[in-house]
Amino acid sequence: MRVIDNTLTILISIIILIVIGYGFGYIGESIMNINSDSITEAR
């Protein structure tokens, strides 16, 4: 039982990390797009 619990917590933490990483990547990408747009407008 203890081994199963450990693998479950590891899987859940990996999924949470992937979700958080994907969310931050999406936010960072949109921020980069806004920055590149303003840079091209400045030129």
PDB file of N, CA and C in Angstrom:
ATOM      1  N   MET A   1       0.839  -1.213   0.000  1.00  0.00           N
ATOM      2  CA  MET A   1       0.000   0.000   0.000  1.00  0.00           C
ATOM      3  C   MET A   1       0.869   1.256   0.000  1.00  0.00           C
ATOM      4  N   ARG A   2       1.937   1.234   0.802  1.00  0.00           N
ATOM      5  CA  ARG A   2       2.786   2.418   0.906  1.00  0.00           C
ATOM      6  C   ARG A   2       3.420   2.739  -0.453  1.00  0.00           C
ATOM      7  N   VAL A   3       3.847   1.708  -1.186  1.00  0.00           N
ATOM      8  CA  VAL A   3       4.463   1.923  -2.499  1.00  0.00           C
ATOM      9  C   VAL A   3       3.450   2.543  -3.455  1.00  0.00           C
ATOM     10  N   ILE A   4       2.222   2.034  -3.427  1.00  0.00           N
ATOM     11  CA  ILE A   4       1.166   2.562  -4.313  1.00  0.00           C
ATOM     12  C   ILE A   4       0.914   4.033  -3.980  1.00  0.00           C
ATOM     13  N   ASP A   5       0.856   4.379  -2.684  1.00  0.00           N
ATOM     14  CA  ASP A   5       0.624   5.766  -2.283  1.00  0.00           C
ATOM     15  C   ASP A   5       1.754   6.659  -2.794  1.00  0.00           C
ATOM     16  N   ASN A   6       2.997   6.170  -2.690  1.00  0.00           N
ATOM     17  CA  ASN A   6       4.133   6.965  -3.153  1.00  0.00           C
ATOM     18  C   ASN A   6       4.042   7.234  -4.652  1.00  0.00           C
ATOM     19  N   THR A   7       3.744   6.206  -5.430  1.00  0.00           N
ATOM     20  CA  THR A   7       3.655   6.389  -6.878  1.00  0.00           C
ATOM     21  C   THR A   7       2.503   7.329  -7.228  1.00  0.00           C
ATOM     22  N   LEU A   8       1.403   7.239  -6.500  1.00  0.00           N
ATOM     23  CA  LEU A   8       0.263   8.130  -6.750  1.00  0.00           C
ATOM     24  C   LEU A   8       0.652   9.581  -6.490  1.00  0.00           C
ATOM     25  N   THR A   9       1.318   9.844  -5.362  1.00  0.00           N
ATOM     26  CA  THR A   9       1.713  11.224  -5.051  1.00  0.00           C
ATOM     27  C   THR A   9       2.712  11.731  -6.083  1.00  0.00           C
ATOM     28  N   ILE A  10       3.628  10.870  -6.535  1.00  0.00           N
ATOM     29  CA  ILE A  10       4.602  11.274  -7.551  1.00  0.00           C
ATOM     30  C   ILE A  10       3.879  11.614  -8.849  1.00  0.00           C
ATOM     31  N   LEU A  11       2.939  10.767  -9.265  1.00  0.00           N
ATOM     32  CA  LEU A  11       2.183  11.020 -10.498  1.00  0.00           C
ATOM     33  C   LEU A  11       1.386  12.315 -10.389  1.00  0.00           C
ATOM     34  N   ILE A  12       0.725  12.530  -9.262  1.00  0.00           N
ATOM     35  CA  ILE A  12      -0.086  13.746  -9.072  1.00  0.00           C
ATOM     36  C   ILE A  12       0.812  14.984  -9.111  1.00  0.00           C
ATOM     37  N   SER A  13       1.963  14.922  -8.437  1.00  0.00           N
ATOM     38  CA  SER A  13       2.862  16.085  -8.422  1.00  0.00           C
ATOM     39  C   SER A  13       3.404  16.356  -9.820  1.00  0.00           C
ATOM     40  N   ILE A  14       3.715  15.314 -10.601  1.00  0.00           N
ATOM     41  CA  ILE A  14       4.206  15.493 -11.971  1.00  0.00           C
ATOM     42  C   ILE A  14       3.118  16.154 -12.819  1.00  0.00           C
ATOM     43  N   ILE A  15       1.879  15.690 -12.679  1.00  0.00           N
ATOM     44  CA  ILE A  15       0.768  16.270 -13.446  1.00  0.00           C
ATOM     45  C   ILE A  15       0.595  17.741 -13.077  1.00  0.00           C
ATOM     46  N   ILE A  16       0.654  18.050 -11.773  1.00  0.00           N
ATOM     47  CA  ILE A  16       0.503  19.442 -11.322  1.00  0.00           C
ATOM     48  C   ILE A  16       1.633  20.291 -11.897  1.00  0.00           C
ATOM     49  N   LEU A  17       2.869  19.764 -11.866  1.00  0.00           N
ATOM     50  CA  LEU A  17       4.007  20.508 -12.411  1.00  0.00           C
ATOM     51  C   LEU A  17       3.815  20.771 -13.902  1.00  0.00           C
ATOM     52  N   ILE A  18       3.337  19.767 -14.640  1.00  0.00           N
ATOM     53  CA  ILE A  18       3.119  19.933 -16.083  1.00  0.00           C
ATOM     54  C   ILE A  18       2.056  20.999 -16.327  1.00  0.00           C
ATOM     55  N   VAL A  19       0.971  20.939 -15.555  1.00  0.00           N
ATOM     56  CA  VAL A  19      -0.125  21.917 -15.733  1.00  0.00           C
ATOM     57  C   VAL A  19       0.377  23.327 -15.423  1.00  0.00           C
ATOM     58  N   ILE A  20       1.107  23.477 -14.295  1.00  0.00           N
ATOM     59  CA  ILE A  20       1.626  24.793 -13.924  1.00  0.00           C
ATOM     60  C   ILE A  20       2.618  25.280 -14.986  1.00  0.00           C
ATOM     61  N   GLY A  21       3.515  24.406 -15.425  1.00  0.00           N
ATOM     62  CA  GLY A  21       4.497  24.780 -16.444  1.00  0.00           C
ATOM     63  C   GLY A  21       3.825  25.191 -17.742  1.00  0.00           C
ATOM     64  N   TYR A  22       2.790  24.462 -18.146  1.00  0.00           N
ATOM     65  CA  TYR A  22       2.060  24.801 -19.371  1.00  0.00           C
ATOM     66  C   TYR A  22       1.377  26.157 -19.220  1.00  0.00           C
ATOM     67  N   GLY A  23       0.766  26.393 -18.060  1.00  0.00           N
ATOM     68  CA  GLY A  23       0.101  27.673 -17.808  1.00  0.00           C
ATOM     69  C   GLY A  23       1.089  28.828 -17.859  1.00  0.00           C
ATOM     70  N   PHE A  24       2.238  28.674 -17.170  1.00  0.00           N
ATOM     71  CA  PHE A  24       3.242  29.738 -17.191  1.00  0.00           C
ATOM     72  C   PHE A  24       3.792  29.938 -18.602  1.00  0.00           C
ATOM     73  N   GLY A  25       3.997  28.853 -19.344  1.00  0.00           N
ATOM     74  CA  GLY A  25       4.488  28.962 -20.719  1.00  0.00           C
ATOM     75  C   GLY A  25       3.512  29.736 -21.584  1.00  0.00           C
ATOM     76  N   TYR A  26       2.222  29.476 -21.409  1.00  0.00           N
ATOM     77  CA  TYR A  26       1.202  30.185 -22.202  1.00  0.00           C
ATOM     78  C   TYR A  26       1.190  31.666 -21.843  1.00  0.00           C
ATOM     79  N   ILE A  27       1.251  31.980 -20.534  1.00  0.00           N
ATOM     80  CA  ILE A  27       1.266  33.379 -20.090  1.00  0.00           C
ATOM     81  C   ILE A  27       2.531  34.070 -20.609  1.00  0.00           C
ATOM     82  N   GLY A  28       3.679  33.414 -20.475  1.00  0.00           N
ATOM     83  CA  GLY A  28       4.931  34.000 -20.945  1.00  0.00           C
ATOM     84  C   GLY A  28       4.912  34.223 -22.450  1.00  0.00           C
ATOM     85  N   GLU A  29       4.316  33.290 -23.188  1.00  0.00           N
ATOM     86  CA  GLU A  29       4.254  33.421 -24.645  1.00  0.00           C
ATOM     87  C   GLU A  29       3.407  34.632 -25.030  1.00  0.00           C
ATOM     88  N   SER A  30       2.258  34.804 -24.371  1.00  0.00           N
ATOM     89  CA  SER A  30       1.401  35.951 -24.677  1.00  0.00           C
ATOM     90  C   SER A  30       2.105  37.255 -24.308  1.00  0.00           C
ATOM     91  N   ILE A  31       2.851  37.262 -23.191  1.00  0.00           N
ATOM     92  CA  ILE A  31       3.600  38.463 -22.799  1.00  0.00           C
ATOM     93  C   ILE A  31       4.659  38.768 -23.862  1.00  0.00           C
ATOM     94  N   MET A  32       5.368  37.728 -24.327  1.00  0.00           N
ATOM     95  CA  MET A  32       6.387  37.937 -25.361  1.00  0.00           C
ATOM     96  C   MET A  32       5.744  38.482 -26.635  1.00  0.00           C
ATOM     97  N   ASN A  33       4.566  37.966 -26.999  1.00  0.00           N
ATOM     98  CA  ASN A  33       3.879  38.454 -28.193  1.00  0.00           C
ATOM     99  C   ASN A  33       3.526  39.927 -28.048  1.00  0.00           C
ATOM    100  N   ILE A  34       3.044  40.334 -26.876  1.00  0.00           N
ATOM    101  CA  ILE A  34       2.700  41.742 -26.638  1.00  0.00           C
ATOM    102  C   ILE A  34       3.974  42.591 -26.740  1.00  0.00           C
ATOM    103  N   ASN A  35       5.067  42.122 -26.139  1.00  0.00           N
ATOM    104  CA  ASN A  35       6.321  42.879 -26.175  1.00  0.00           C
ATOM    105  C   ASN A  35       6.819  43.030 -27.608  1.00  0.00           C
ATOM    106  N   SER A  36       6.809  41.951 -28.382  1.00  0.00           N
ATOM    107  CA  SER A  36       7.297  42.015 -29.768  1.00  0.00           C
ATOM    108  C   SER A  36       6.415  42.955 -30.590  1.00  0.00           C
ATOM    109  N   ASP A  37       5.100  42.958 -30.334  1.00  0.00           N
ATOM    110  CA  ASP A  37       4.210  43.867 -31.049  1.00  0.00           C
ATOM    111  C   ASP A  37       4.573  45.315 -30.742  1.00  0.00           C
ATOM    112  N   SER A  38       4.786  45.645 -29.474  1.00  0.00           N
ATOM    113  CA  SER A  38       5.105  47.020 -29.105  1.00  0.00           C
ATOM    114  C   SER A  38       6.473  47.407 -29.676  1.00  0.00           C
ATOM    115  N   ILE A  39       7.420  46.446 -29.726  1.00  0.00           N
ATOM    116  CA  ILE A  39       8.753  46.748 -30.276  1.00  0.00           C
ATOM    117  C   ILE A  39       8.633  47.071 -31.763  1.00  0.00           C
ATOM    118  N   THR A  40       7.861  46.288 -32.502  1.00  0.00           N
ATOM    119  CA  THR A  40       7.714  46.541 -33.943  1.00  0.00           C
ATOM    120  C   THR A  40       6.983  47.868 -34.163  1.00  0.00           C
ATOM    121  N   GLU A  41       6.032  48.215 -33.293  1.00  0.00           N
ATOM    122  CA  GLU A  41       5.328  49.495 -33.435  1.00  0.00           C
ATOM    123  C   GLU A  41       6.281  50.655 -33.171  1.00  0.00           C
ATOM    124  N   ALA A  42       7.184  50.487 -32.198  1.00  0.00           N
ATOM    125  CA  ALA A  42       8.131  51.560 -31.872  1.00  0.00           C
ATOM    126  C   ALA A  42       9.031  51.836 -33.072  1.00  0.00           C
ATOM    127  N   ARG A  43       9.409  50.776 -33.802  1.00  0.00           N
ATOM    128  CA  ARG A  43      10.265  50.970 -34.973  1.00  0.00           C
ATOM    129  C   ARG A  43       9.468  51.642 -36.090  1.00  0.00           C
TER     130      ARG A  43
END
